[in-house]
Amino acid sequence: MPRNQLIVSTEGRHADERNEYRASGRSAHPNLPLVILVNNGSASASEIVAGCLQDTTAAGVSRAIIIGEQTFGKGSVQKILPLQDGSALRLTTAKYYTPSHKVIHEKGITPDIVVPTTPEEQEALMLRRSPGGLETLPEEQREKVINVHDAQLERAIDVLKGVTLYAKRASAGERAAGRKSEKVAAAK
């Protein structure tokens, strides 16, 4: 992100309870396409990142495509207030907002490309990715888990391939157009 780019803001009930968090923009990053995978387990900080990248892509500042399912919607700032009896009270004091001022709390982030998965697919993918997850399963169930397709990851790979191909073709077209204008200028 460029220096001073708004990442997220928080707002409480009163005007003085507004805070903005901005990028430090320490160094240049390669201008590469980026895909962010999200699902209903994506919450809080991951929603802030996805929401910021989605908004800044729409504004032409970054290049990210959000793929997956609606996120959880945990976008609140909470304070824990200790009580005299030793218990505590958790109090929501503010909500997080994306750079375009979309509220995250109880809404979540809607992906640019929605790719649903079933609970069974999610469980199988979690087992497959967890160290030792496959070894705990009976052989028949292990085969089923191994053969489950990760539709979200497959879609993300396809999108990256498509964006890369499009970028190559667009730059080749620009180079060809540049050569044509050079020939026209030379002919004059």
Protein backbone atom coordinates (compact mmCIF):
# COMPACT_ATOMS: atom_id res chain seq x y z
CA MET A 1 0.00 0.00 0.00
CA PRO A 2 1.19 3.52 -0.67
CA ARG A 3 2.22 5.63 2.29
CA ASN A 4 -0.75 7.13 4.16
CA GLN A 5 -3.35 4.89 2.41
CA LEU A 6 -6.31 4.33 4.74
CA ILE A 7 -6.41 0.68 5.85
CA VAL A 8 -9.27 0.70 8.36
CA SER A 9 -11.10 3.10 10.64
CA THR A 10 -12.98 2.63 13.90
CA GLU A 11 -15.98 4.61 15.04
CA GLY A 12 -17.68 4.67 18.41
CA ARG A 13 -20.86 6.41 19.45
CA HIS A 14 -19.25 9.83 19.73
CA ALA A 15 -17.35 11.85 17.11
CA ASP A 16 -14.19 11.85 19.24
CA GLU A 17 -14.15 8.04 19.15
CA ARG A 18 -13.04 7.90 15.50
CA ASN A 19 -9.60 6.52 14.66
CA GLU A 20 -7.93 5.94 11.31
CA TYR A 21 -5.16 3.44 10.66
CA ARG A 22 -3.01 4.16 7.62
CA ALA A 23 -0.23 2.37 5.74
CA SER A 24 3.36 3.31 6.46
CA GLY A 25 4.33 2.57 2.82
CA ARG A 26 7.95 1.76 3.61
CA SER A 27 9.03 0.42 0.23
CA ALA A 28 7.76 -0.37 -3.25
CA HIS A 29 6.26 -3.79 -3.86
CA PRO A 30 6.06 -5.64 -7.16
CA ASN A 31 2.89 -4.93 -9.08
CA LEU A 32 1.62 -8.51 -9.15
CA PRO A 33 -1.95 -9.83 -9.21
CA LEU A 34 -3.18 -11.01 -5.83
CA VAL A 35 -5.99 -13.35 -4.81
CA ILE A 36 -7.28 -13.48 -1.24
CA LEU A 37 -9.26 -16.56 -0.20
CA VAL A 38 -11.96 -16.02 2.44
CA ASN A 39 -14.78 -18.02 3.97
CA ASN A 40 -17.11 -17.94 6.96
CA GLY A 41 -14.13 -18.70 9.20
CA SER A 42 -12.38 -15.49 8.14
CA ALA A 43 -12.87 -13.00 10.95
CA SER A 44 -11.56 -9.83 12.51
CA ALA A 45 -8.04 -9.00 11.23
CA SER A 46 -8.42 -11.13 8.08
CA GLU A 47 -11.64 -9.26 7.29
CA ILE A 48 -9.85 -5.93 7.74
CA VAL A 49 -7.16 -7.02 5.26
CA ALA A 50 -9.69 -8.40 2.74
CA GLY A 51 -11.92 -5.31 3.03
CA CYS A 52 -9.00 -2.93 2.60
CA LEU A 53 -7.64 -4.77 -0.43
CA GLN A 54 -11.09 -5.01 -2.00
CA ASP A 55 -11.75 -1.28 -1.54
CA THR A 56 -8.31 -0.15 -2.67
CA THR A 57 -8.52 -2.38 -5.76
CA ALA A 58 -11.84 -0.74 -6.66
CA ALA A 59 -10.08 2.64 -6.28
CA GLY A 60 -7.17 1.52 -8.48
CA VAL A 61 -4.60 1.56 -5.66
CA SER A 62 -4.02 -2.20 -5.35
CA ARG A 63 -4.65 -5.34 -7.42
CA ALA A 64 -6.50 -7.92 -5.35
CA ILE A 65 -9.45 -10.18 -6.07
CA ILE A 66 -11.34 -11.62 -3.10
CA ILE A 67 -12.59 -15.17 -3.71
CA GLY A 68 -14.61 -17.56 -1.54
CA GLU A 69 -17.58 -17.08 0.74
CA GLN A 70 -19.03 -14.32 2.92
CA THR A 71 -16.77 -13.72 5.92
CA PHE A 72 -17.83 -14.07 9.56
CA GLY A 73 -18.48 -10.41 10.39
CA LYS A 74 -16.38 -9.86 13.52
CA GLY A 75 -15.56 -6.19 13.21
CA SER A 76 -15.95 -4.73 16.66
CA VAL A 77 -13.59 -3.13 19.16
CA GLN A 78 -14.21 -4.41 22.66
CA LYS A 79 -12.99 -3.43 26.10
CA ILE A 80 -13.04 -5.69 29.12
CA LEU A 81 -14.05 -3.88 32.28
CA PRO A 82 -13.23 -5.69 35.56
CA LEU A 83 -16.02 -5.63 38.13
CA GLN A 84 -15.64 -5.51 41.93
CA ASP A 85 -16.80 -9.12 42.41
CA GLY A 86 -13.96 -10.43 40.22
CA SER A 87 -16.07 -10.93 37.11
CA ALA A 88 -15.77 -8.76 34.03
CA LEU A 89 -17.95 -7.04 31.48
CA ARG A 90 -17.12 -7.14 27.79
CA LEU A 91 -18.29 -3.92 26.17
CA THR A 92 -18.32 -3.14 22.45
CA THR A 93 -16.96 0.39 22.15
CA ALA A 94 -16.53 0.83 18.38
CA LYS A 95 -16.87 -0.85 15.00
CA TYR A 96 -14.35 -1.34 12.19
CA TYR A 97 -14.97 0.18 8.75
CA THR A 98 -13.24 -0.47 5.42
CA PRO A 99 -11.69 2.46 3.50
CA SER A 100 -14.97 2.98 1.60
CA HIS A 101 -16.76 3.05 4.97
CA LYS A 102 -18.44 -0.36 4.76
CA VAL A 103 -19.13 -1.76 8.20
CA ILE A 104 -17.55 -5.17 8.84
CA HIS A 105 -19.38 -6.09 12.06
CA GLU A 106 -22.30 -8.49 11.55
CA LYS A 107 -22.03 -7.99 7.77
CA GLY A 108 -18.64 -9.43 6.85
CA ILE A 109 -16.91 -9.03 3.52
CA THR A 110 -18.65 -10.26 0.36
CA PRO A 111 -16.08 -11.74 -2.06
CA ASP A 112 -15.70 -10.41 -5.58
CA ILE A 113 -16.14 -13.99 -6.81
CA VAL A 114 -18.34 -16.22 -4.67
CA VAL A 115 -17.30 -19.89 -4.62
CA PRO A 116 -19.39 -21.85 -2.12
CA THR A 117 -18.25 -24.99 -0.35
CA THR A 118 -20.29 -27.47 1.66
CA PRO A 119 -19.58 -28.11 5.35
CA GLU A 120 -18.42 -31.61 4.33
CA GLU A 121 -15.91 -30.17 1.85
CA GLN A 122 -14.67 -27.68 4.44
CA GLU A 123 -14.16 -30.45 7.00
CA ALA A 124 -12.35 -32.67 4.48
CA LEU A 125 -10.06 -29.82 3.41
CA MET A 126 -9.29 -28.98 7.03
CA LEU A 127 -8.37 -32.61 7.72
CA ARG A 128 -6.22 -32.75 4.60
CA ARG A 129 -4.33 -29.59 5.57
CA SER A 130 -3.88 -30.44 9.25
CA PRO A 131 -0.64 -32.19 10.17
CA GLY A 132 -1.54 -35.79 10.97
CA GLY A 133 -5.18 -35.23 9.96
CA LEU A 134 -5.22 -37.94 7.30
CA GLU A 135 -3.40 -40.49 9.45
CA THR A 136 -6.22 -40.48 12.01
CA LEU A 137 -8.82 -41.57 9.45
CA PRO A 138 -9.83 -45.08 8.38
CA GLU A 139 -8.54 -45.94 4.87
CA GLU A 140 -11.93 -45.55 3.14
CA GLN A 141 -12.57 -42.14 4.66
CA ARG A 142 -8.96 -41.08 3.97
CA GLU A 143 -9.47 -41.73 0.23
CA LYS A 144 -12.62 -39.58 0.22
CA VAL A 145 -10.82 -36.73 1.95
CA ILE A 146 -7.85 -36.94 -0.44
CA ASN A 147 -10.18 -36.77 -3.45
CA VAL A 148 -12.16 -33.69 -2.34
CA HIS A 149 -11.61 -30.78 -4.73
CA ASP A 150 -10.74 -27.41 -3.27
CA ALA A 151 -12.99 -25.38 -5.57
CA GLN A 152 -11.96 -22.06 -4.02
CA LEU A 153 -8.24 -22.71 -4.49
CA GLU A 154 -8.82 -24.01 -8.02
CA ARG A 155 -10.82 -20.88 -8.89
CA ALA A 156 -8.10 -18.66 -7.40
CA ILE A 157 -5.44 -20.36 -9.55
CA ASP A 158 -7.63 -19.98 -12.65
CA VAL A 159 -8.17 -16.27 -11.92
CA LEU A 160 -4.43 -15.67 -11.47
CA LYS A 161 -3.71 -17.46 -14.73
CA GLY A 162 -6.38 -15.40 -16.52
CA VAL A 163 -5.15 -12.09 -15.11
CA THR A 164 -1.56 -12.94 -16.02
CA LEU A 165 -2.54 -13.97 -19.56
CA TYR A 166 -4.61 -10.82 -20.03
CA ALA A 167 -1.73 -8.62 -18.76
CA LYS A 168 0.72 -10.29 -21.17
CA ARG A 169 -1.64 -9.83 -24.12
CA ALA A 170 -2.38 -6.22 -23.18
CA SER A 171 1.32 -5.34 -22.93
CA ALA A 172 2.02 -7.14 -26.24
CA GLY A 173 -0.78 -5.09 -27.83
CA GLU A 174 0.69 -1.87 -26.41
CA ARG A 175 4.13 -2.77 -27.79
CA ALA A 176 2.61 -3.52 -31.21
CA ALA A 177 0.71 -0.22 -31.18
CA GLY A 178 3.96 1.55 -30.27
CA ARG A 179 5.76 -0.05 -33.24
CA LYS A 180 2.94 1.01 -35.60
CA SER A 181 3.15 4.63 -34.42
CA GLU A 182 6.96 4.54 -34.83
CA LYS A 183 6.53 3.33 -38.45
CA VAL A 184 3.99 6.06 -39.17
CA ALA A 185 6.29 8.70 -37.69
CA ALA A 186 9.27 7.36 -39.68
CA ALA A 187 7.23 7.41 -42.91
CA LYS A 188 6.44 11.11 -42.50
